[in-house]
Amino acid sequence: MRVLECLPALVRDDSRISVVFAHDPTSAFSDGVLDLLRDAGCRIMPWDQLAEAAPDLILSASENIDIPDGDCPVLVLPHGVGFQKMVPDSRTSGTRLSGVVPDRLLESGRAWLALSHPDQEQQLLAAHPKTAGRTLLVGDPCFDELRASRARRASYRTVLGVDDDRRLVVVSSTWGATSLVGREPDIPARLLASLPYDEYRVALILHPNVWAAHGAWQVRVLLASAMEAGLILVPPVHSWRPALVAADLVIGDHGSVTLYGGALGIPLLLGAFGRDAVPRTAASALSEIAPRLDPRADLHRQVVTVIDGREQKPGAALAQHAFADPGHAHARLREALYRLIRLPEPHWSSPGPPTLDPPDTSFDKTASLPALRVTSTLTAGEPAQGPTVTVRRVPAAVAGPGPESPGTYAHLAVGESEKDRCLAESASVILAERPAPSAVGALTWIADTLSRYPGCLLTATVTGLRTVLVGSRDGRVVTATVTGPAPEPGQVAAVVYTLLRADRPFPDGPVTLCLGERTEDVVLRLRPAKTFP
């Protein structure tokens, strides 16, 4: 993945270079590699033919491969931030420093290790003296691309379905037993249950080794409830980068994604930090300054505290500790590549970091409208202002039934295409998932829905730019006009439901809808009786 991300900018428009990909099928994490390369249109060579191909340069983002004998140089790119993690050694029963090639390849004088920071050279010399003279300081092309793409943040959020009124919490987990998901496998679901649906979206970035080891089918099965609750499951290839740029908060561990997020200045919480993290690295510095998530405490409160800036942000200090001279990694890497391949660099200008493409959302199987547990309260207001209805919605797939208390009303709201028949037949409110083409069409849909779901009390559908029709079991129909952004029918239905449960007459005027810190004016009008077709 890392080679596919950075190589095109290095060799573009150069007909002197031919790139062929060799795939090692013996890797424990090779699942999906061939599909990835074929989807990208790459020319693929069988691994056992690599020795016969006589390449001029072998470029890899994995150090744990058996390079055949020969004399061509081998340039190893980091596939994360530096050398910050101990991983199982497939050649022995112990562990090894991730990112360092075998001693045999170092002794041959063929290997070159790309570094993102000068401190990494001293780290490698202390841990592996044979790396002396075998390193190249180039910076981090991935970090440069992330920085260059911050101007496109709003467009990434739009593609991910995160509107201006919501905050995006990105959960990032590396692989292994000490990772965040390894220790807290239900953390995405618990976040979705704790964060109000109208104020937050939650996305999950899993290390590619998780996908390769378990398979996409197994990953989705293990996250089924969270996905039904609206979890954005980020595809394992390139989309994690624009998703990270779009984040308002990162909850992560000692993986590189967390470090990238902190270095970009994104607020973060450490939900786990494994013993396999290497001391005196940028990752260990992150562990010393980043606030910790308490998985058993109030998750909503912790998220709000960090996003609102009441906790320290690592930001620039962390970036200085991890990345040398940001913005120049592609130019330095291209210079190193052409020098090793013994070709003069192209005469056109040195490459800068490209901006990232929008995230791929075709992989996301999240329902467009999850079933929601809704709690609401009513506060009387001045006659001219009308009452205030405070609404909190959380996905039903991860939240238990909402208990009622004096002055608090709870109900279940589902979309018209809800697949769980038990939820649909238990819902008090059924919501249209597409705007009605006209008022007559909306009234027809309301009547049909009430007849198909005899257990529901209300139905609601959008009929115009800022208008919602809400039909009740007793035949009344309310026209609701929202003065703010385009309304969600479930929000307006919650206002009408609250008034009904409180035995309050519908006001011929405004009601204030309160959704967390956001308020909207909703003007209700009771339509004449017998309005159904």
Protein backbone atom coordinates (compact mmCIF):
# COMPACT_ATOMS: atom_id res chain seq x y z
CA MET A 1 0.00 0.00 0.00
CA ARG A 2 2.75 2.46 0.91
CA VAL A 3 4.58 1.82 -2.37
CA LEU A 4 1.37 2.34 -4.36
CA GLU A 5 0.75 5.59 -2.51
CA CYS A 6 4.11 7.29 -3.01
CA LEU A 7 5.75 5.72 -6.09
CA PRO A 8 3.59 7.31 -8.84
CA ALA A 9 4.72 10.81 -7.86
CA LEU A 10 8.37 9.71 -8.06
CA VAL A 11 8.49 8.07 -11.51
CA ARG A 12 5.66 9.81 -13.35
CA ASP A 13 6.21 10.65 -17.03
CA ASP A 14 9.54 8.76 -17.13
CA SER A 15 9.55 6.19 -19.94
CA ARG A 16 13.04 4.99 -18.89
CA ILE A 17 11.62 3.18 -15.85
CA SER A 18 9.44 0.08 -15.88
CA VAL A 19 7.79 -0.92 -12.60
CA VAL A 20 6.88 -4.55 -11.92
CA PHE A 21 5.43 -5.85 -8.65
CA ALA A 22 6.60 -9.13 -7.16
CA HIS A 23 4.25 -10.74 -4.64
CA ASP A 24 5.45 -13.03 -1.84
CA PRO A 25 2.57 -15.49 -1.23
CA THR A 26 4.16 -16.96 1.92
CA SER A 27 3.48 -13.94 4.13
CA ALA A 28 1.02 -14.45 6.98
CA PHE A 29 -0.61 -11.16 5.95
CA SER A 30 -0.70 -11.60 2.18
CA ASP A 31 -4.48 -11.96 1.88
CA GLY A 32 -5.82 -9.41 -0.57
CA VAL A 33 -2.45 -8.36 -1.99
CA LEU A 34 -3.08 -9.74 -5.48
CA ASP A 35 -6.55 -8.17 -5.60
CA LEU A 36 -5.05 -4.83 -4.55
CA LEU A 37 -2.39 -4.93 -7.27
CA ARG A 38 -4.82 -6.10 -9.96
CA ASP A 39 -7.34 -3.41 -9.07
CA ALA A 40 -4.55 -0.83 -9.44
CA GLY A 41 -3.64 -2.24 -12.87
CA CYS A 42 -0.14 -3.30 -11.83
CA ARG A 43 2.02 -5.74 -13.75
CA ILE A 44 2.72 -8.65 -11.39
CA MET A 45 5.66 -11.04 -11.42
CA PRO A 46 5.68 -14.44 -9.67
CA TRP A 47 7.97 -14.30 -6.67
CA ASP A 48 10.11 -17.21 -7.82
CA GLN A 49 11.04 -15.30 -11.00
CA LEU A 50 12.41 -12.31 -9.12
CA ALA A 51 15.95 -13.71 -9.07
CA GLU A 52 15.90 -14.10 -12.86
CA ALA A 53 14.50 -10.64 -13.60
CA ALA A 54 17.78 -8.78 -12.95
CA PRO A 55 16.12 -5.61 -11.62
CA ASP A 56 18.05 -2.36 -11.28
CA LEU A 57 16.36 -1.56 -7.96
CA ILE A 58 14.12 -3.39 -5.52
CA LEU A 59 11.75 -1.06 -3.67
CA SER A 60 9.83 -2.39 -0.71
CA ALA A 61 7.78 -1.06 2.19
CA SER A 62 8.25 -4.34 4.03
CA GLU A 63 11.53 -5.36 5.59
CA ASN A 64 10.43 -8.91 6.37
CA ILE A 65 10.96 -10.43 2.92
CA ASP A 66 13.54 -12.85 1.53
CA ILE A 67 15.39 -10.91 -1.17
CA PRO A 68 17.12 -13.26 -3.61
CA ASP A 69 20.86 -13.07 -4.06
CA GLY A 70 22.16 -10.47 -6.45
CA ASP A 71 23.84 -7.10 -6.51
CA CYS A 72 21.01 -4.62 -7.16
CA PRO A 73 20.26 -2.19 -4.33
CA VAL A 74 17.23 -2.61 -2.08
CA LEU A 75 15.49 0.54 -0.84
CA VAL A 76 13.19 -0.08 2.14
CA LEU A 77 10.55 2.54 2.84
CA PRO A 78 8.97 2.82 6.29
CA HIS A 79 5.37 1.62 6.32
CA GLY A 80 4.71 3.56 9.52
CA VAL A 81 6.37 6.30 11.53
CA GLY A 82 9.94 5.19 12.13
CA PHE A 83 11.01 2.13 14.10
CA GLN A 84 8.67 2.24 17.05
CA LYS A 85 7.29 -1.24 17.54
CA MET A 86 8.54 -4.73 18.40
CA VAL A 87 6.80 -7.42 16.36
CA PRO A 88 6.94 -11.23 16.24
CA ASP A 89 9.92 -12.53 14.27
CA SER A 90 8.84 -15.13 11.73
CA ARG A 91 12.40 -16.49 11.60
CA THR A 92 12.71 -17.10 15.35
CA SER A 93 10.52 -17.52 18.42
CA GLY A 94 11.33 -13.99 19.63
CA THR A 95 10.59 -10.46 18.50
CA ARG A 96 12.34 -7.99 16.25
CA LEU A 97 12.35 -4.25 15.63
CA SER A 98 9.78 -3.47 12.97
CA GLY A 99 11.32 -1.88 9.88
CA VAL A 100 14.84 -3.38 10.05
CA VAL A 101 15.93 -5.82 7.34
CA PRO A 102 17.74 -9.08 8.23
CA ASP A 103 21.44 -8.87 9.04
CA ARG A 104 22.28 -10.90 5.94
CA LEU A 105 20.94 -8.15 3.69
CA LEU A 106 22.71 -5.44 5.69
CA GLU A 107 25.99 -7.34 5.47
CA SER A 108 25.65 -7.59 1.69
CA GLY A 109 25.82 -3.81 1.40
CA ARG A 110 22.72 -3.74 -0.78
CA ALA A 111 20.11 -2.47 1.68
CA TRP A 112 19.20 1.14 2.31
CA LEU A 113 16.72 2.12 5.03
CA ALA A 114 14.75 5.33 4.51
CA LEU A 115 14.44 7.43 7.68
CA SER A 116 11.95 10.14 8.56
CA HIS A 117 14.02 11.77 11.34
CA PRO A 118 17.76 12.00 12.21
CA ASP A 119 17.19 10.49 15.68
CA GLN A 120 16.26 7.20 14.02
CA GLU A 121 19.84 6.73 12.80
CA GLN A 122 21.14 6.70 16.38
CA GLN A 123 18.31 4.42 17.45
CA LEU A 124 19.21 1.91 14.73
CA LEU A 125 22.92 2.06 15.46
CA ALA A 126 22.26 1.22 19.11
CA ALA A 127 19.88 -1.63 18.30
CA HIS A 128 21.49 -2.90 15.06
CA PRO A 129 25.09 -1.74 14.55
CA LYS A 130 25.13 -3.26 11.06
CA THR A 131 22.82 -0.46 9.89
CA ALA A 132 25.81 1.92 10.03
CA GLY A 133 26.10 3.71 6.71
CA ARG A 134 22.96 2.03 5.35
CA THR A 135 20.39 4.77 6.08
CA LEU A 136 18.99 7.65 4.03
CA LEU A 137 17.22 10.61 5.64
CA VAL A 138 14.26 11.41 3.37
CA GLY A 139 11.39 12.44 5.68
CA ASP A 140 7.93 10.91 5.57
CA PRO A 141 5.98 11.14 2.27
CA CYS A 142 2.77 10.00 3.96
CA PHE A 143 2.90 12.79 6.54
CA ASP A 144 3.63 15.32 3.80
CA GLU A 145 0.56 14.17 1.87
CA LEU A 146 -1.59 14.43 4.99
CA ARG A 147 -0.36 17.98 5.63
CA ALA A 148 -0.90 18.99 2.01
CA SER A 149 -4.47 17.67 2.08
CA ARG A 150 -5.75 19.62 5.07
CA ALA A 151 -7.22 22.24 2.74
CA ARG A 152 -9.55 19.53 1.38
CA ARG A 153 -10.83 18.53 4.82
CA ALA A 154 -14.36 19.83 4.23
CA SER A 155 -14.76 17.81 1.02
CA TYR A 156 -13.60 14.61 2.76
CA ARG A 157 -16.16 15.18 5.53
CA THR A 158 -18.90 15.63 2.95
CA VAL A 159 -18.04 12.33 1.28
CA LEU A 160 -18.05 10.59 4.67
CA GLY A 161 -21.49 12.02 5.47
CA VAL A 162 -20.26 14.28 8.29
CA ASP A 163 -22.19 17.55 8.13
CA ASP A 164 -21.27 20.83 9.78
CA ASP A 165 -23.33 20.06 12.87
CA ARG A 166 -21.51 16.82 13.68
CA ARG A 167 -18.06 15.96 14.96
CA LEU A 168 -16.11 13.02 13.57
CA VAL A 169 -14.42 10.74 16.09
CA VAL A 170 -11.88 8.43 14.42
CA VAL A 171 -10.93 5.26 16.30
CA SER A 172 -7.55 3.90 15.20
CA SER A 173 -6.16 0.51 16.15
CA THR A 174 -2.94 -1.24 15.26
CA TRP A 175 -2.82 -5.05 15.29
CA GLY A 176 -2.06 -7.54 18.05
CA ALA A 177 -3.19 -8.27 21.58
CA THR A 178 -1.95 -4.93 22.96
CA SER A 179 -3.77 -2.83 20.37
CA LEU A 180 -6.84 -0.75 21.16
CA VAL A 181 -9.28 -3.16 19.52
CA GLY A 182 -7.30 -6.10 20.90
CA ARG A 183 -7.91 -4.80 24.43
CA GLU A 184 -11.27 -3.09 23.95
CA PRO A 185 -13.00 -4.82 21.03
CA ASP A 186 -16.34 -3.16 21.79
CA ILE A 187 -15.01 0.40 22.00
CA PRO A 188 -16.63 1.50 18.68
CA ALA A 189 -20.03 0.27 19.85
CA ARG A 190 -19.67 1.89 23.28
CA LEU A 191 -18.70 5.20 21.72
CA LEU A 192 -21.74 5.07 19.45
CA ALA A 193 -23.93 4.34 22.46
CA SER A 194 -22.44 7.27 24.41
CA LEU A 195 -22.22 9.99 21.76
CA PRO A 196 -25.50 11.61 20.65
CA TYR A 197 -26.35 10.65 17.07
CA ASP A 198 -27.20 14.23 16.10
CA GLU A 199 -23.80 15.52 17.21
CA TYR A 200 -21.26 12.83 16.28
CA ARG A 201 -20.18 10.28 13.69
CA VAL A 202 -17.70 7.52 14.54
CA ALA A 203 -15.22 5.97 12.08
CA LEU A 204 -12.88 3.01 12.59
CA ILE A 205 -9.44 2.62 11.00
CA LEU A 206 -8.02 -0.88 11.47
CA HIS A 207 -4.43 -1.83 10.67
CA PRO A 208 -4.21 -3.72 7.35
CA ASN A 209 -2.85 -6.77 9.20
CA VAL A 210 -6.20 -7.09 10.98
CA TRP A 211 -7.99 -7.26 7.66
CA ALA A 212 -5.43 -9.66 6.19
CA ALA A 213 -5.40 -11.99 9.19
CA HIS A 214 -9.16 -12.20 9.69
CA GLY A 215 -10.69 -11.24 6.35
CA ALA A 216 -13.21 -8.52 5.55
CA TRP A 217 -16.18 -10.82 6.16
CA GLN A 218 -15.03 -11.64 9.70
CA VAL A 219 -14.28 -7.98 10.46
CA ARG A 220 -17.78 -6.94 9.44
CA VAL A 221 -19.38 -9.75 11.43
CA LEU A 222 -17.48 -8.75 14.57
CA LEU A 223 -18.56 -5.14 14.09
CA ALA A 224 -22.13 -5.86 12.99
CA SER A 225 -23.93 -4.00 15.78
CA ALA A 226 -21.62 -0.99 15.51
CA MET A 227 -22.14 -0.84 11.76
CA GLU A 228 -25.91 -1.03 12.21
CA ALA A 229 -25.50 1.89 14.61
CA GLY A 230 -23.81 4.00 11.91
CA LEU A 231 -20.11 3.15 12.28
CA ILE A 232 -18.04 4.28 9.28
CA LEU A 233 -15.80 1.29 8.62
CA VAL A 234 -12.88 2.79 6.70
CA PRO A 235 -11.54 0.59 3.86
CA PRO A 236 -8.10 -0.90 4.58
CA VAL A 237 -6.18 0.54 1.63
CA HIS A 238 -5.94 4.28 0.97
CA SER A 239 -9.06 5.82 2.53
CA TRP A 240 -7.67 5.98 6.07
CA ARG A 241 -5.64 9.06 5.16
CA PRO A 242 -8.48 11.39 4.08
CA ALA A 243 -10.58 10.00 6.95
CA LEU A 244 -7.82 11.00 9.37
CA VAL A 245 -7.63 14.50 7.89
CA ALA A 246 -11.40 14.82 8.37
CA ALA A 247 -11.29 13.89 12.07
CA ASP A 248 -12.18 16.15 14.99
CA LEU A 249 -10.71 13.63 17.44
CA VAL A 250 -8.55 10.51 17.21
CA ILE A 251 -8.87 7.75 19.80
CA GLY A 252 -5.94 5.44 19.21
CA ASP A 253 -3.02 3.40 20.48
CA HIS A 254 0.69 3.08 19.71
CA GLY A 255 0.07 2.60 15.99
CA SER A 256 1.31 5.07 13.40
CA VAL A 257 -2.13 6.43 12.54
CA THR A 258 -2.46 7.84 16.07
CA LEU A 259 0.96 9.45 15.76
CA TYR A 260 0.12 10.97 12.38
CA GLY A 261 -3.08 12.40 13.84
CA GLY A 262 -1.29 13.90 16.84
CA ALA A 263 1.42 15.39 14.64
CA LEU A 264 -1.27 17.01 12.47
CA GLY A 265 -2.58 18.76 15.57
CA ILE A 266 -5.81 16.73 15.78
CA PRO A 267 -7.01 16.32 19.39
CA LEU A 268 -6.44 12.77 20.57
CA LEU A 269 -6.96 10.30 23.37
CA LEU A 270 -4.84 7.21 23.95
CA GLY A 271 -7.12 4.26 24.54
CA ALA A 272 -4.27 1.74 24.79
CA PHE A 273 -0.49 1.74 24.64
CA GLY A 274 1.21 -1.64 24.36
CA ARG A 275 4.44 -2.92 25.84
CA ASP A 276 5.60 -3.63 22.27
CA ALA A 277 6.11 0.11 21.73
CA VAL A 278 9.82 1.02 21.64
CA PRO A 279 11.08 3.47 24.31
CA ARG A 280 12.69 6.80 23.35
CA THR A 281 10.84 7.06 20.03
CA ALA A 282 8.21 9.50 18.79
CA ALA A 283 5.56 6.99 19.85
CA SER A 284 6.89 6.89 23.40
CA ALA A 285 6.92 10.71 23.43
CA LEU A 286 3.28 10.59 22.40
CA SER A 287 2.49 8.33 25.35
CA GLU A 288 4.02 10.83 27.73
CA ILE A 289 2.06 13.89 26.60
CA ALA A 290 -1.25 12.59 25.22
CA PRO A 291 -4.28 12.32 27.54
CA ARG A 292 -5.54 8.82 28.26
CA LEU A 293 -9.02 7.47 27.62
CA ASP A 294 -10.64 5.70 30.55
CA PRO A 295 -12.79 3.07 28.80
CA ARG A 296 -14.92 2.57 31.91
CA ALA A 297 -15.67 6.25 32.58
CA ASP A 298 -18.10 8.60 30.82
CA LEU A 299 -16.93 8.47 27.19
CA HIS A 300 -19.01 11.43 26.08
CA ARG A 301 -17.56 13.69 28.74
CA GLN A 302 -13.99 12.69 27.87
CA VAL A 303 -14.57 13.29 24.16
CA VAL A 304 -16.07 16.74 24.75
CA THR A 305 -13.25 17.73 27.11
CA VAL A 306 -10.53 16.92 24.58
CA ILE A 307 -12.24 18.34 21.49
CA ASP A 308 -13.06 21.58 23.27
CA GLY A 309 -9.39 22.06 24.05
CA ARG A 310 -9.34 21.46 27.77
CA GLU A 311 -6.55 18.92 27.31
CA GLN A 312 -3.03 19.33 25.90
CA LYS A 313 -2.58 18.77 22.15
CA PRO A 314 0.80 17.29 21.07
CA GLY A 315 0.75 19.02 17.67
CA ALA A 316 3.89 20.70 16.39
CA ALA A 317 6.18 19.41 19.14
CA LEU A 318 5.32 15.84 18.22
CA ALA A 319 5.81 16.49 14.51
CA GLN A 320 9.29 17.91 15.17
CA HIS A 321 10.17 14.76 17.09
CA ALA A 322 8.99 12.42 14.32
CA PHE A 323 9.49 14.11 10.95
CA ALA A 324 12.47 15.98 9.51
CA ASP A 325 11.83 19.02 7.32
CA PRO A 326 8.21 18.25 6.35
CA GLY A 327 7.18 18.97 2.78
CA HIS A 328 10.32 17.67 1.06
CA ALA A 329 10.08 13.89 1.42
CA HIS A 330 8.99 13.20 -2.16
CA ALA A 331 11.83 15.23 -3.64
CA ARG A 332 14.41 13.57 -1.39
CA LEU A 333 13.00 10.13 -2.03
CA ARG A 334 13.05 10.66 -5.78
CA GLU A 335 16.67 11.83 -5.61
CA ALA A 336 17.59 8.66 -3.68
CA LEU A 337 15.69 6.40 -6.06
CA TYR A 338 17.33 7.80 -9.19
CA ARG A 339 20.76 7.75 -7.59
CA LEU A 340 20.38 4.07 -6.67
CA ILE A 341 19.05 3.18 -10.10
CA ARG A 342 21.92 5.15 -11.70
CA LEU A 343 19.82 7.44 -13.83
CA PRO A 344 19.86 11.23 -13.91
CA GLU A 345 16.75 12.75 -12.40
CA PRO A 346 14.18 14.07 -14.90
CA HIS A 347 14.66 17.68 -15.93
CA TRP A 348 11.18 18.71 -14.79
CA SER A 349 10.70 20.09 -11.31
CA SER A 350 11.01 17.99 -8.20
CA PRO A 351 7.74 16.49 -7.01
CA GLY A 352 5.83 17.98 -4.13
CA PRO A 353 3.40 16.05 -1.96
CA PRO A 354 0.15 15.32 -3.82
CA THR A 355 -3.19 15.85 -2.15
CA LEU A 356 -5.28 12.83 -1.28
CA ASP A 357 -8.26 11.53 -3.21
CA PRO A 358 -11.59 11.44 -1.35
CA PRO A 359 -12.24 8.33 0.76
CA ASP A 360 -13.92 5.32 -0.81
CA THR A 361 -17.42 4.94 0.63
CA SER A 362 -18.56 2.03 -1.55
CA PHE A 363 -17.10 -0.34 1.04
CA ASP A 364 -19.21 1.14 3.86
CA LYS A 365 -22.31 -0.99 4.40
CA THR A 366 -23.71 1.28 7.10
CA ALA A 367 -27.44 1.81 6.98
CA SER A 368 -28.38 5.34 5.91
CA LEU A 369 -30.78 5.66 8.85
CA PRO A 370 -30.12 3.45 11.87
CA ALA A 371 -32.86 2.62 14.34
CA LEU A 372 -32.68 5.20 17.13
CA ARG A 373 -33.58 5.26 20.81
CA VAL A 374 -34.90 8.74 21.48
CA THR A 375 -35.30 10.50 24.82
CA SER A 376 -36.84 13.94 25.12
CA THR A 377 -37.94 16.52 27.65
CA LEU A 378 -40.34 19.46 27.45
CA THR A 379 -39.75 22.87 29.00
CA ALA A 380 -42.48 25.51 29.01
CA GLY A 381 -41.51 28.83 27.47
CA GLU A 382 -42.91 32.28 26.99
CA PRO A 383 -46.12 32.35 24.90
CA ALA A 384 -44.38 34.21 22.09
CA GLN A 385 -41.49 31.77 22.02
CA GLY A 386 -43.29 28.51 22.62
CA PRO A 387 -41.96 25.49 24.52
CA THR A 388 -38.51 23.93 24.22
CA VAL A 389 -38.10 20.24 23.39
CA THR A 390 -34.67 18.76 24.16
CA VAL A 391 -33.91 15.62 22.15
CA ARG A 392 -31.13 13.05 22.49
CA ARG A 393 -30.89 10.17 20.00
CA VAL A 394 -28.56 7.16 20.14
CA PRO A 395 -28.48 4.11 17.84
CA ALA A 396 -30.71 1.28 19.05
CA ALA A 397 -28.25 -1.41 17.92
CA VAL A 398 -25.80 -0.43 20.67
CA ALA A 399 -28.10 1.18 23.25
CA GLY A 400 -30.50 -0.50 25.61
CA PRO A 401 -34.15 0.56 25.92
CA GLY A 402 -34.41 4.16 27.10
CA PRO A 403 -36.00 4.18 30.55
CA GLU A 404 -38.47 6.96 31.24
CA SER A 405 -38.43 9.18 34.29
CA PRO A 406 -40.79 11.96 35.35
CA GLY A 407 -40.70 14.60 32.64
CA THR A 408 -38.66 12.42 30.25
CA TYR A 409 -40.19 10.56 27.32
CA ALA A 410 -38.59 7.68 25.40
CA HIS A 411 -39.45 6.10 22.08
CA LEU A 412 -37.98 4.01 19.27
CA ALA A 413 -37.77 5.50 15.76
CA VAL A 414 -36.84 3.50 12.65
CA GLY A 415 -36.58 4.08 8.94
CA GLU A 416 -39.19 2.63 6.61
CA SER A 417 -36.70 0.06 5.23
CA GLU A 418 -35.60 -1.23 8.66
CA LYS A 419 -34.61 -4.88 8.12
CA ASP A 420 -35.19 -6.00 11.69
CA ARG A 421 -38.91 -6.74 11.69
CA CYS A 422 -39.06 -6.83 15.49
CA LEU A 423 -37.66 -3.28 15.68
CA ALA A 424 -39.97 -2.04 12.95
CA GLU A 425 -43.08 -3.46 14.62
CA SER A 426 -41.99 -2.13 18.03
CA ALA A 427 -41.27 1.41 16.84
CA SER A 428 -43.41 4.34 17.92
CA VAL A 429 -42.20 6.40 14.95
CA ILE A 430 -41.63 5.31 11.33
CA LEU A 431 -39.57 7.68 9.18
CA ALA A 432 -39.44 8.10 5.41
CA GLU A 433 -35.91 7.78 4.08
CA ARG A 434 -36.50 9.87 0.94
CA PRO A 435 -38.34 13.16 0.52
CA ALA A 436 -41.90 12.88 -0.76
CA PRO A 437 -42.39 14.27 -4.29
CA SER A 438 -45.38 16.38 -3.16
CA ALA A 439 -47.70 17.01 -0.23
CA VAL A 440 -50.24 14.61 -1.72
CA GLY A 441 -47.54 11.96 -2.06
CA ALA A 442 -46.51 12.55 1.55
CA LEU A 443 -50.09 12.13 2.80
CA THR A 444 -50.46 8.93 0.79
CA TRP A 445 -47.21 7.57 2.28
CA ILE A 446 -48.33 8.49 5.81
CA ALA A 447 -51.65 6.68 5.42
CA ASP A 448 -50.03 3.61 3.89
CA THR A 449 -47.32 3.43 6.58
CA LEU A 450 -49.80 3.75 9.43
CA SER A 451 -51.81 0.88 7.99
CA ARG A 452 -48.74 -1.35 7.50
CA TYR A 453 -47.39 -0.72 11.00
CA PRO A 454 -50.37 -0.73 13.39
CA GLY A 455 -48.07 -0.41 16.40
CA CYS A 456 -46.58 2.96 15.44
CA LEU A 457 -47.94 6.24 16.76
CA LEU A 458 -46.38 8.68 14.28
CA THR A 459 -44.93 8.77 10.79
CA ALA A 460 -42.84 11.58 9.32
CA THR A 461 -41.54 12.53 5.89
CA VAL A 462 -39.73 15.49 4.35
CA THR A 463 -41.87 17.27 1.72
CA GLY A 464 -39.84 20.34 0.85
CA LEU A 465 -36.59 22.12 1.44
CA ARG A 466 -37.40 22.82 5.11
CA THR A 467 -40.80 21.18 5.60
CA VAL A 468 -41.79 17.92 7.28
CA LEU A 469 -45.23 16.32 7.49
CA VAL A 470 -45.95 14.28 10.63
CA GLY A 471 -49.02 12.05 10.66
CA SER A 472 -50.45 10.57 13.87
CA ARG A 473 -52.53 7.46 14.54
CA ASP A 474 -55.60 9.56 15.37
CA GLY A 475 -55.64 11.14 11.90
CA ARG A 476 -54.05 14.48 12.70
CA VAL A 477 -51.32 15.78 10.40
CA VAL A 478 -48.83 18.45 11.43
CA THR A 479 -46.85 20.58 9.02
CA ALA A 480 -43.48 21.49 10.54
CA THR A 481 -41.23 24.15 9.05
CA VAL A 482 -37.61 24.36 10.19
CA THR A 483 -35.80 27.68 9.95
CA GLY A 484 -32.29 26.20 10.07
CA PRO A 485 -30.60 23.53 7.93
CA ALA A 486 -32.58 20.93 6.00
CA PRO A 487 -34.47 18.94 8.64
CA GLU A 488 -34.25 15.28 9.50
CA PRO A 489 -37.79 13.90 9.86
CA GLY A 490 -36.84 12.03 13.03
CA GLN A 491 -35.90 15.25 14.81
CA VAL A 492 -39.22 16.88 13.98
CA ALA A 493 -41.16 13.71 14.85
CA ALA A 494 -39.48 13.73 18.27
CA VAL A 495 -40.90 17.21 18.90
CA VAL A 496 -44.43 16.13 17.98
CA TYR A 497 -44.10 12.90 19.98
CA THR A 498 -43.02 14.83 23.07
CA LEU A 499 -45.99 17.21 22.83
CA LEU A 500 -48.37 14.26 22.47
CA ARG A 501 -46.89 12.39 25.42
CA ALA A 502 -46.96 15.54 27.55
CA ASP A 503 -50.64 15.98 26.59
CA ARG A 504 -49.89 19.45 25.24
CA PRO A 505 -51.85 20.96 22.37
CA PHE A 506 -49.85 21.63 19.26
CA PRO A 507 -48.91 25.32 19.32
CA ASP A 508 -49.83 27.38 16.30
CA GLY A 509 -46.32 28.78 16.19
CA PRO A 510 -42.72 28.06 17.14
CA VAL A 511 -41.16 25.32 19.22
CA THR A 512 -37.47 25.37 20.06
CA LEU A 513 -35.72 22.08 19.26
CA CYS A 514 -32.56 21.55 21.30
CA LEU A 515 -30.00 19.00 20.07
CA GLY A 516 -27.00 19.17 22.38
CA GLU A 517 -25.52 22.65 22.02
CA ARG A 518 -27.50 23.32 18.84
CA THR A 519 -30.99 24.78 18.71
CA GLU A 520 -33.45 25.05 15.83
CA ASP A 521 -36.78 26.86 15.51
CA VAL A 522 -39.59 24.56 14.40
CA VAL A 523 -42.93 26.12 13.45
CA LEU A 524 -45.88 23.71 13.76
CA ARG A 525 -49.19 24.03 11.95
CA LEU A 526 -52.06 21.56 12.41
CA ARG A 527 -53.59 20.73 9.04
CA PRO A 528 -57.38 20.53 8.63
CA ALA A 529 -58.98 17.24 9.64
CA LYS A 530 -59.44 14.39 7.14
CA THR A 531 -56.44 15.34 5.06
CA PHE A 532 -55.57 11.76 4.11
CA PRO A 533 -56.39 10.90 0.47
